[in-house]
């Protein structure tokens, strides 16, 4: 399971727990709504931070994979050129 799915699950569970806790809290309705909004905003900010970190990590991984792919492409092109040169040399020797 990916880290982003784990983080999303944790945040969702935290939000659900906060909502249930606030709904059963003995405070007045206005206070409960204010607490609920504050907690929801806080959890939303945490979720956004986690998603931005996941996005940055994904972008870095994609960049690393692209660089590695370019390296393998260059190595393959060099080997192909070496084989072509060897084949030409064999042809001229015949």
PDB file of N, CA and C in Angstrom:
ATOM      1  N   UNK A   1       0.857  -1.172   0.000  1.00  0.00           N
ATOM      2  CA  UNK A   1       0.000   0.000   0.000  1.00  0.00           C
ATOM      3  C   UNK A   1       0.901   1.232   0.000  1.00  0.00           C
ATOM      4  N   UNK A   2       0.552   2.220  -0.758  1.00  0.00           N
ATOM      5  CA  UNK A   2       1.389   3.408  -0.863  1.00  0.00           C
ATOM      6  C   UNK A   2       1.232   4.298   0.362  1.00  0.00           C
ATOM      7  N   UNK A   3       2.254   5.121   0.572  1.00  0.00           N
ATOM      8  CA  UNK A   3       2.247   6.025   1.724  1.00  0.00           C
ATOM      9  C   UNK A   3       1.082   6.999   1.668  1.00  0.00           C
ATOM     10  N   UNK A   4       0.755   7.465   0.478  1.00  0.00           N
ATOM     11  CA  UNK A   4      -0.336   8.441   0.372  1.00  0.00           C
ATOM     12  C   UNK A   4      -1.673   7.815   0.776  1.00  0.00           C
ATOM     13  N   UNK A   5      -1.873   6.537   0.456  1.00  0.00           N
ATOM     14  CA  UNK A   5      -3.110   5.871   0.849  1.00  0.00           C
ATOM     15  C   UNK A   5      -3.158   5.687   2.363  1.00  0.00           C
ATOM     16  N   UNK A   6      -2.018   5.383   2.962  1.00  0.00           N
ATOM     17  CA  UNK A   6      -1.953   5.229   4.411  1.00  0.00           C
ATOM     18  C   UNK A   6      -2.258   6.559   5.089  1.00  0.00           C
ATOM     19  N   UNK A   7      -1.627   7.621   4.607  1.00  0.00           N
ATOM     20  CA  UNK A   7      -1.850   8.952   5.182  1.00  0.00           C
ATOM     21  C   UNK A   7      -3.310   9.349   5.023  1.00  0.00           C
ATOM     22  N   UNK A   8      -3.867   9.119   3.848  1.00  0.00           N
ATOM     23  CA  UNK A   8      -5.271   9.451   3.608  1.00  0.00           C
ATOM     24  C   UNK A   8      -6.184   8.676   4.554  1.00  0.00           C
ATOM     25  N   UNK A   9      -5.890   7.412   4.767  1.00  0.00           N
ATOM     26  CA  UNK A   9      -6.679   6.605   5.688  1.00  0.00           C
ATOM     27  C   UNK A   9      -6.597   7.111   7.117  1.00  0.00           C
ATOM     28  N   UNK A  10      -5.397   7.479   7.536  1.00  0.00           N
ATOM     29  CA  UNK A  10      -5.210   8.000   8.898  1.00  0.00           C
ATOM     30  C   UNK A  10      -5.960   9.318   9.073  1.00  0.00           C
ATOM     31  N   UNK A  11      -5.825  10.200   8.091  1.00  0.00           N
ATOM     32  CA  UNK A  11      -6.503  11.502   8.182  1.00  0.00           C
ATOM     33  C   UNK A  11      -8.015  11.317   8.174  1.00  0.00           C
ATOM     34  N   UNK A  12      -8.503  10.433   7.330  1.00  0.00           N
ATOM     35  CA  UNK A  12      -9.941  10.178   7.270  1.00  0.00           C
ATOM     36  C   UNK A  12     -10.445   9.631   8.606  1.00  0.00           C
ATOM     37  N   UNK A  13      -9.697   8.693   9.182  1.00  0.00           N
ATOM     38  CA  UNK A  13     -10.082   8.141  10.476  1.00  0.00           C
ATOM     39  C   UNK A  13     -10.056   9.220  11.562  1.00  0.00           C
ATOM     40  N   UNK A  14      -9.048  10.093  11.505  1.00  0.00           N
ATOM     41  CA  UNK A  14      -8.957  11.173  12.490  1.00  0.00           C
ATOM     42  C   UNK A  14     -10.136  12.133  12.360  1.00  0.00           C
ATOM     43  N   UNK A  15     -10.496  12.458  11.131  1.00  0.00           N
ATOM     44  CA  UNK A  15     -11.637  13.357  10.912  1.00  0.00           C
ATOM     45  C   UNK A  15     -12.913  12.706  11.423  1.00  0.00           C
ATOM     46  N   UNK A  16     -13.096  11.445  11.091  1.00  0.00           N
ATOM     47  CA  UNK A  16     -14.305  10.743  11.548  1.00  0.00           C
ATOM     48  C   UNK A  16     -14.352  10.704  13.072  1.00  0.00           C
ATOM     49  N   UNK A  17     -13.229  10.412  13.699  1.00  0.00           N
ATOM     50  CA  UNK A  17     -13.174  10.383  15.156  1.00  0.00           C
ATOM     51  C   UNK A  17     -13.458  11.741  15.767  1.00  0.00           C
ATOM     52  N   UNK A  18     -12.900  12.784  15.160  1.00  0.00           N
ATOM     53  CA  UNK A  18     -13.128  14.141  15.668  1.00  0.00           C
ATOM     54  C   UNK A  18     -14.597  14.525  15.535  1.00  0.00           C
ATOM     55  N   UNK A  19     -15.201  14.205  14.401  1.00  0.00           N
ATOM     56  CA  UNK A  19     -16.608  14.540  14.189  1.00  0.00           C
ATOM     57  C   UNK A  19     -17.486  13.805  15.199  1.00  0.00           C
ATOM     58  N   UNK A  20     -17.248  12.525  15.371  1.00  0.00           N
ATOM     59  CA  UNK A  20     -18.046  11.747  16.326  1.00  0.00           C
ATOM     60  C   UNK A  20     -17.855  12.290  17.743  1.00  0.00           C
ATOM     61  N   UNK A  21     -16.612  12.575  18.097  1.00  0.00           N
ATOM     62  CA  UNK A  21     -16.333  13.109  19.424  1.00  0.00           C
ATOM     63  C   UNK A  21     -17.007  14.441  19.665  1.00  0.00           C
ATOM     64  N   UNK A  22     -16.965  15.297  18.663  1.00  0.00           N
ATOM     65  CA  UNK A  22     -17.593  16.606  18.829  1.00  0.00           C
ATOM     66  C   UNK A  22     -19.113  16.533  18.837  1.00  0.00           C
ATOM     67  N   UNK A  23     -19.662  15.595  18.091  1.00  0.00           N
ATOM     68  CA  UNK A  23     -21.117  15.461  18.067  1.00  0.00           C
ATOM     69  C   UNK A  23     -21.667  14.978  19.413  1.00  0.00           C
ATOM     70  N   UNK A  24     -20.883  14.196  20.106  1.00  0.00           N
ATOM     71  CA  UNK A  24     -21.311  13.694  21.405  1.00  0.00           C
ATOM     72  C   UNK A  24     -20.788  14.543  22.563  1.00  0.00           C
ATOM     73  N   UNK A  25     -20.097  15.614  22.251  1.00  0.00           N
ATOM     74  CA  UNK A  25     -19.557  16.496  23.283  1.00  0.00           C
ATOM     75  C   UNK A  25     -20.689  17.262  23.957  1.00  0.00           C
ATOM     76  N   UNK A  26     -20.494  17.609  25.228  1.00  0.00           N
ATOM     77  CA  UNK A  26     -21.551  18.301  25.967  1.00  0.00           C
ATOM     78  C   UNK A  26     -21.615  19.807  25.712  1.00  0.00           C
ATOM     79  N   UNK A  27     -20.840  20.330  24.782  1.00  0.00           N
ATOM     80  CA  UNK A  27     -20.842  21.768  24.499  1.00  0.00           C
ATOM     81  C   UNK A  27     -22.104  22.187  23.759  1.00  0.00           C
ATOM     82  N   UNK A  28     -22.323  23.506  23.735  1.00  0.00           N
ATOM     83  CA  UNK A  28     -23.434  24.063  22.981  1.00  0.00           C
ATOM     84  C   UNK A  28     -23.186  23.878  21.488  1.00  0.00           C
ATOM     85  N   UNK A  29     -24.243  24.024  20.700  1.00  0.00           N
ATOM     86  CA  UNK A  29     -24.143  23.819  19.257  1.00  0.00           C
ATOM     87  C   UNK A  29     -23.146  24.731  18.580  1.00  0.00           C
ATOM     88  N   UNK A  30     -23.146  26.030  18.927  1.00  0.00           N
ATOM     89  CA  UNK A  30     -22.218  26.969  18.297  1.00  0.00           C
ATOM     90  C   UNK A  30     -20.768  26.622  18.605  1.00  0.00           C
ATOM     91  N   UNK A  31     -20.505  26.257  19.857  1.00  0.00           N
ATOM     92  CA  UNK A  31     -19.137  25.887  20.238  1.00  0.00           C
ATOM     93  C   UNK A  31     -18.712  24.606  19.526  1.00  0.00           C
ATOM     94  N   UNK A  32     -19.627  23.677  19.445  1.00  0.00           N
ATOM     95  CA  UNK A  32     -19.322  22.414  18.767  1.00  0.00           C
ATOM     96  C   UNK A  32     -19.021  22.656  17.293  1.00  0.00           C
ATOM     97  N   UNK A  33     -19.809  23.497  16.645  1.00  0.00           N
ATOM     98  CA  UNK A  33     -19.584  23.801  15.236  1.00  0.00           C
ATOM     99  C   UNK A  33     -18.233  24.495  15.048  1.00  0.00           C
ATOM    100  N   UNK A  34     -17.905  25.431  15.925  1.00  0.00           N
ATOM    101  CA  UNK A  34     -16.609  26.110  15.832  1.00  0.00           C
ATOM    102  C   UNK A  34     -15.458  25.117  16.009  1.00  0.00           C
ATOM    103  N   UNK A  35     -15.595  24.222  16.997  1.00  0.00           N
ATOM    104  CA  UNK A  35     -14.558  23.210  17.213  1.00  0.00           C
ATOM    105  C   UNK A  35     -14.440  22.299  15.993  1.00  0.00           C
ATOM    106  N   UNK A  36     -15.578  21.923  15.450  1.00  0.00           N
ATOM    107  CA  UNK A  36     -15.591  21.042  14.282  1.00  0.00           C
ATOM    108  C   UNK A  36     -14.912  21.704  13.087  1.00  0.00           C
ATOM    109  N   UNK A  37     -15.217  22.983  12.855  1.00  0.00           N
ATOM    110  CA  UNK A  37     -14.588  23.711  11.752  1.00  0.00           C
ATOM    111  C   UNK A  37     -13.086  23.824  11.963  1.00  0.00           C
ATOM    112  N   UNK A  38     -12.693  24.155  13.195  1.00  0.00           N
ATOM    113  CA  UNK A  38     -11.268  24.313  13.492  1.00  0.00           C
ATOM    114  C   UNK A  38     -10.515  22.994  13.284  1.00  0.00           C
ATOM    115  N   UNK A  39     -11.067  21.908  13.795  1.00  0.00           N
ATOM    116  CA  UNK A  39     -10.434  20.600  13.660  1.00  0.00           C
ATOM    117  C   UNK A  39     -10.401  20.164  12.201  1.00  0.00           C
ATOM    118  N   UNK A  40     -11.480  20.390  11.484  1.00  0.00           N
ATOM    119  CA  UNK A  40     -11.530  20.021  10.068  1.00  0.00           C
ATOM    120  C   UNK A  40     -10.498  20.804   9.261  1.00  0.00           C
ATOM    121  N   UNK A  41     -10.389  22.096   9.525  1.00  0.00           N
ATOM    122  CA  UNK A  41      -9.392  22.914   8.829  1.00  0.00           C
ATOM    123  C   UNK A  41      -7.976  22.443   9.144  1.00  0.00           C
ATOM    124  N   UNK A  42      -7.735  22.106  10.401  1.00  0.00           N
ATOM    125  CA  UNK A  42      -6.416  21.621  10.799  1.00  0.00           C
ATOM    126  C   UNK A  42      -6.086  20.308  10.096  1.00  0.00           C
ATOM    127  N   UNK A  43      -7.030  19.387  10.088  1.00  0.00           N
ATOM    128  CA  UNK A  43      -6.807  18.103   9.430  1.00  0.00           C
ATOM    129  C   UNK A  43      -6.678  18.255   7.921  1.00  0.00           C
ATOM    130  N   UNK A  44      -7.441  19.171   7.345  1.00  0.00           N
ATOM    131  CA  UNK A  44      -7.326  19.420   5.904  1.00  0.00           C
ATOM    132  C   UNK A  44      -5.941  19.965   5.574  1.00  0.00           C
ATOM    133  N   UNK A  45      -5.429  20.851   6.412  1.00  0.00           N
ATOM    134  CA  UNK A  45      -4.086  21.391   6.189  1.00  0.00           C
ATOM    135  C   UNK A  45      -3.039  20.278   6.293  1.00  0.00           C
ATOM    136  N   UNK A  46      -3.214  19.382   7.274  1.00  0.00           N
ATOM    137  CA  UNK A  46      -2.291  18.246   7.400  1.00  0.00           C
ATOM    138  C   UNK A  46      -2.356  17.350   6.169  1.00  0.00           C
ATOM    139  N   UNK A  47      -3.549  17.129   5.665  1.00  0.00           N
ATOM    140  CA  UNK A  47      -3.713  16.297   4.475  1.00  0.00           C
ATOM    141  C   UNK A  47      -3.054  16.947   3.264  1.00  0.00           C
ATOM    142  N   UNK A  48      -3.243  18.244   3.108  1.00  0.00           N
ATOM    143  CA  UNK A  48      -2.626  18.958   1.985  1.00  0.00           C
ATOM    144  C   UNK A  48      -1.105  18.869   2.073  1.00  0.00           C
ATOM    145  N   UNK A  49      -0.560  19.037   3.274  1.00  0.00           N
ATOM    146  CA  UNK A  49       0.892  18.913   3.454  1.00  0.00           C
ATOM    147  C   UNK A  49       1.371  17.520   3.064  1.00  0.00           C
ATOM    148  N   UNK A  50       0.644  16.498   3.523  1.00  0.00           N
ATOM    149  CA  UNK A  50       1.029  15.124   3.211  1.00  0.00           C
ATOM    150  C   UNK A  50       0.952  14.865   1.707  1.00  0.00           C
ATOM    151  N   UNK A  51      -0.067  15.377   1.057  1.00  0.00           N
ATOM    152  CA  UNK A  51      -0.200  15.186  -0.392  1.00  0.00           C
ATOM    153  C   UNK A  51       0.893  15.922  -1.152  1.00  0.00           C
ATOM    154  N   UNK A  52       1.257  17.116  -0.686  1.00  0.00           N
ATOM    155  CA  UNK A  52       2.335  17.855  -1.349  1.00  0.00           C
ATOM    156  C   UNK A  52       3.661  17.119  -1.207  1.00  0.00           C
ATOM    157  N   UNK A  53       3.907  16.535  -0.032  1.00  0.00           N
ATOM    158  CA  UNK A  53       5.135  15.749   0.160  1.00  0.00           C
ATOM    159  C   UNK A  53       5.131  14.524  -0.740  1.00  0.00           C
ATOM    160  N   UNK A  54       3.973  13.862  -0.837  1.00  0.00           N
ATOM    161  CA  UNK A  54       3.867  12.687  -1.709  1.00  0.00           C
ATOM    162  C   UNK A  54       4.087  13.075  -3.165  1.00  0.00           C
ATOM    163  N   UNK A  55       3.545  14.223  -3.565  1.00  0.00           N
ATOM    164  CA  UNK A  55       3.717  14.692  -4.931  1.00  0.00           C
ATOM    165  C   UNK A  55       5.184  14.981  -5.211  1.00  0.00           C
ATOM    166  N   UNK A  56       5.853  15.647  -4.274  1.00  0.00           N
ATOM    167  CA  UNK A  56       7.272  15.962  -4.458  1.00  0.00           C
ATOM    168  C   UNK A  56       8.093  14.682  -4.556  1.00  0.00           C
ATOM    169  N   UNK A  57       7.770  13.714  -3.714  1.00  0.00           N
ATOM    170  CA  UNK A  57       8.496  12.439  -3.754  1.00  0.00           C
ATOM    171  C   UNK A  57       8.253  11.718  -5.077  1.00  0.00           C
ATOM    172  N   UNK A  58       7.021  11.744  -5.568  1.00  0.00           N
ATOM    173  CA  UNK A  58       6.693  11.103  -6.846  1.00  0.00           C
ATOM    174  C   UNK A  58       7.424  11.785  -7.998  1.00  0.00           C
ATOM    175  N   UNK A  59       7.484  13.122  -7.956  1.00  0.00           N
ATOM    176  CA  UNK A  59       8.192  13.858  -9.007  1.00  0.00           C
ATOM    177  C   UNK A  59       9.681  13.530  -8.983  1.00  0.00           C
ATOM    178  N   UNK A  60      10.262  13.419  -7.783  1.00  0.00           N
ATOM    179  CA  UNK A  60      11.680  13.085  -7.669  1.00  0.00           C
ATOM    180  C   UNK A  60      11.940  11.674  -8.183  1.00  0.00           C
ATOM    181  N   UNK A  61      11.058  10.742  -7.835  1.00  0.00           N
ATOM    182  CA  UNK A  61      11.205   9.365  -8.306  1.00  0.00           C
ATOM    183  C   UNK A  61      11.093   9.302  -9.823  1.00  0.00           C
ATOM    184  N   UNK A  62      10.153  10.032 -10.391  1.00  0.00           N
ATOM    185  CA  UNK A  62      10.002  10.062 -11.850  1.00  0.00           C
ATOM    186  C   UNK A  62      11.252  10.635 -12.506  1.00  0.00           C
ATOM    187  N   UNK A  63      11.806  11.678 -11.918  1.00  0.00           N
ATOM    188  CA  UNK A  63      13.024  12.281 -12.453  1.00  0.00           C
ATOM    189  C   UNK A  63      14.192  11.296 -12.389  1.00  0.00           C
ATOM    190  N   UNK A  64      14.310  10.604 -11.262  1.00  0.00           N
ATOM    191  CA  UNK A  64      15.382   9.610 -11.106  1.00  0.00           C
ATOM    192  C   UNK A  64      15.236   8.490 -12.128  1.00  0.00           C
ATOM    193  N   UNK A  65      14.002   8.020 -12.325  1.00  0.00           N
ATOM    194  CA  UNK A  65      13.767   6.956 -13.298  1.00  0.00           C
ATOM    195  C   UNK A  65      14.076   7.419 -14.717  1.00  0.00           C
ATOM    196  N   UNK A  66      13.747   8.667 -15.016  1.00  0.00           N
ATOM    197  CA  UNK A  66      14.030   9.197 -16.341  1.00  0.00           C
ATOM    198  C   UNK A  66      15.539   9.256 -16.580  1.00  0.00           C
ATOM    199  N   UNK A  67      16.279   9.721 -15.569  1.00  0.00           N
ATOM    200  CA  UNK A  67      17.740   9.783 -15.697  1.00  0.00           C
ATOM    201  C   UNK A  67      18.321   8.388 -15.897  1.00  0.00           C
ATOM    202  N   UNK A  68      17.819   7.428 -15.127  1.00  0.00           N
ATOM    203  CA  UNK A  68      18.321   6.065 -15.252  1.00  0.00           C
ATOM    204  C   UNK A  68      17.985   5.492 -16.625  1.00  0.00           C
ATOM    205  N   UNK A  69      16.787   5.777 -17.112  1.00  0.00           N
ATOM    206  CA  UNK A  69      16.401   5.325 -18.448  1.00  0.00           C
ATOM    207  C   UNK A  69      17.289   5.925 -19.526  1.00  0.00           C
ATOM    208  N   UNK A  70      17.612   7.206 -19.377  1.00  0.00           N
ATOM    209  CA  UNK A  70      18.506   7.865 -20.341  1.00  0.00           C
ATOM    210  C   UNK A  70      19.881   7.204 -20.322  1.00  0.00           C
ATOM    211  N   UNK A  71      20.352   6.867 -19.117  1.00  0.00           N
ATOM    212  CA  UNK A  71      21.659   6.212 -18.992  1.00  0.00           C
ATOM    213  C   UNK A  71      21.650   4.872 -19.715  1.00  0.00           C
ATOM    214  N   UNK A  72      20.593   4.069 -19.500  1.00  0.00           N
ATOM    215  CA  UNK A  72      20.499   2.768 -20.171  1.00  0.00           C
ATOM    216  C   UNK A  72      20.363   2.926 -21.682  1.00  0.00           C
ATOM    217  N   UNK A  73      19.639   3.953 -22.110  1.00  0.00           N
ATOM    218  CA  UNK A  73      19.490   4.206 -23.541  1.00  0.00           C
ATOM    219  C   UNK A  73      20.849   4.516 -24.160  1.00  0.00           C
ATOM    220  N   UNK A  74      21.617   5.370 -23.485  1.00  0.00           N
ATOM    221  CA  UNK A  74      22.937   5.728 -23.992  1.00  0.00           C
ATOM    222  C   UNK A  74      23.861   4.517 -24.026  1.00  0.00           C
ATOM    223  N   UNK A  75      23.806   3.692 -22.970  1.00  0.00           N
ATOM    224  CA  UNK A  75      24.627   2.482 -22.950  1.00  0.00           C
ATOM    225  C   UNK A  75      24.238   1.542 -24.091  1.00  0.00           C
ATOM    226  N   UNK A  76      22.951   1.393 -24.334  1.00  0.00           N
ATOM    227  CA  UNK A  76      22.481   0.517 -25.413  1.00  0.00           C
ATOM    228  C   UNK A  76      22.922   1.058 -26.770  1.00  0.00           C
ATOM    229  N   UNK A  77      22.840   2.377 -26.941  1.00  0.00           N
ATOM    230  CA  UNK A  77      23.270   2.972 -28.211  1.00  0.00           C
ATOM    231  C   UNK A  77      24.769   2.758 -28.420  1.00  0.00           C
ATOM    232  N   UNK A  78      25.546   2.902 -27.365  1.00  0.00           N
ATOM    233  CA  UNK A  78      26.995   2.685 -27.475  1.00  0.00           C
ATOM    234  C   UNK A  78      27.307   1.230 -27.810  1.00  0.00           C
ATOM    235  N   UNK A  79      26.606   0.289 -27.167  1.00  0.00           N
ATOM    236  CA  UNK A  79      26.833  -1.131 -27.474  1.00  0.00           C
ATOM    237  C   UNK A  79      26.429  -1.438 -28.913  1.00  0.00           C
ATOM    238  N   UNK A  80      25.322  -0.867 -29.360  1.00  0.00           N
ATOM    239  CA  UNK A  80      24.885  -1.096 -30.734  1.00  0.00           C
ATOM    240  C   UNK A  80      25.919  -0.561 -31.715  1.00  0.00           C
ATOM    241  N   UNK A  81      26.485   0.607 -31.414  1.00  0.00           N
ATOM    242  CA  UNK A  81      27.524   1.170 -32.283  1.00  0.00           C
ATOM    243  C   UNK A  81      28.765   0.285 -32.271  1.00  0.00           C
ATOM    244  N   UNK A  82      29.118  -0.248 -31.087  1.00  0.00           N
ATOM    245  CA  UNK A  82      30.268  -1.155 -30.998  1.00  0.00           C
ATOM    246  C   UNK A  82      30.032  -2.408 -31.825  1.00  0.00           C
ATOM    247  N   UNK A  83      28.828  -2.975 -31.736  1.00  0.00           N
ATOM    248  CA  UNK A  83      28.515  -4.176 -32.512  1.00  0.00           C
ATOM    249  C   UNK A  83      28.513  -3.874 -34.008  1.00  0.00           C
ATOM    250  N   UNK A  84      28.021  -2.719 -34.382  1.00  0.00           N
ATOM    251  CA  UNK A  84      28.015  -2.339 -35.800  1.00  0.00           C
ATOM    252  C   UNK A  84      29.446  -2.181 -36.302  1.00  0.00           C
ATOM    253  N   UNK A  85      30.304  -1.560 -35.510  1.00  0.00           N
ATOM    254  CA  UNK A  85      31.708  -1.398 -35.896  1.00  0.00           C
ATOM    255  C   UNK A  85      32.392  -2.763 -36.018  1.00  0.00           C
ATOM    256  N   UNK A  86      32.094  -3.647 -35.071  1.00  0.00           N
ATOM    257  CA  UNK A  86      32.686  -4.985 -35.120  1.00  0.00           C
ATOM    258  C   UNK A  86      32.202  -5.741 -36.351  1.00  0.00           C
ATOM    259  N   UNK A  87      30.931  -5.587 -36.689  1.00  0.00           N
ATOM    260  CA  UNK A  87      30.384  -6.260 -37.867  1.00  0.00           C
ATOM    261  C   UNK A  87      31.027  -5.713 -39.139  1.00  0.00           C
ATOM    262  N   UNK A  88      31.218  -4.396 -39.206  1.00  0.00           N
ATOM    263  CA  UNK A  88      31.872  -3.795 -40.379  1.00  0.00           C
ATOM    264  C   UNK A  88      33.303  -4.288 -40.499  1.00  0.00           C
ATOM    265  N   UNK A  89      33.980  -4.416 -39.370  1.00  0.00           N
ATOM    266  CA  UNK A  89      35.367  -4.887 -39.389  1.00  0.00           C
ATOM    267  C   UNK A  89      35.426  -6.332 -39.882  1.00  0.00           C
ATOM    268  N   UNK A  90      34.492  -7.153 -39.398  1.00  0.00           N
ATOM    269  CA  UNK A  90      34.434  -8.550 -39.855  1.00  0.00           C
ATOM    270  C   UNK A  90      34.151  -8.620 -41.355  1.00  0.00           C
ATOM    271  N   UNK A  91      33.280  -7.758 -41.824  1.00  0.00           N
ATOM    272  CA  UNK A  91      32.933  -7.726 -43.238  1.00  0.00           C
ATOM    273  C   UNK A  91      34.164  -7.364 -44.072  1.00  0.00           C
ATOM    274  N   UNK A  92      34.907  -6.364 -43.632  1.00  0.00           N
ATOM    275  CA  UNK A  92      36.096  -5.947 -44.373  1.00  0.00           C
ATOM    276  C   UNK A  92      37.197  -7.010 -44.309  1.00  0.00           C
ATOM    277  N   UNK A  93      37.226  -7.769 -43.269  1.00  0.00           N
ATOM    278  CA  UNK A  93      38.235  -8.832 -43.149  1.00  0.00           C
ATOM    279  C   UNK A  93      37.912 -10.012 -44.065  1.00  0.00           C
ATOM    280  N   UNK A  94      36.653 -10.157 -44.439  1.00  0.00           N
ATOM    281  CA  UNK A  94      36.285 -11.249 -45.327  1.00  0.00           C
ATOM    282  C   UNK A  94      36.667 -10.843 -46.727  1.00  0.00           C
TER     283      UNK A  94
END
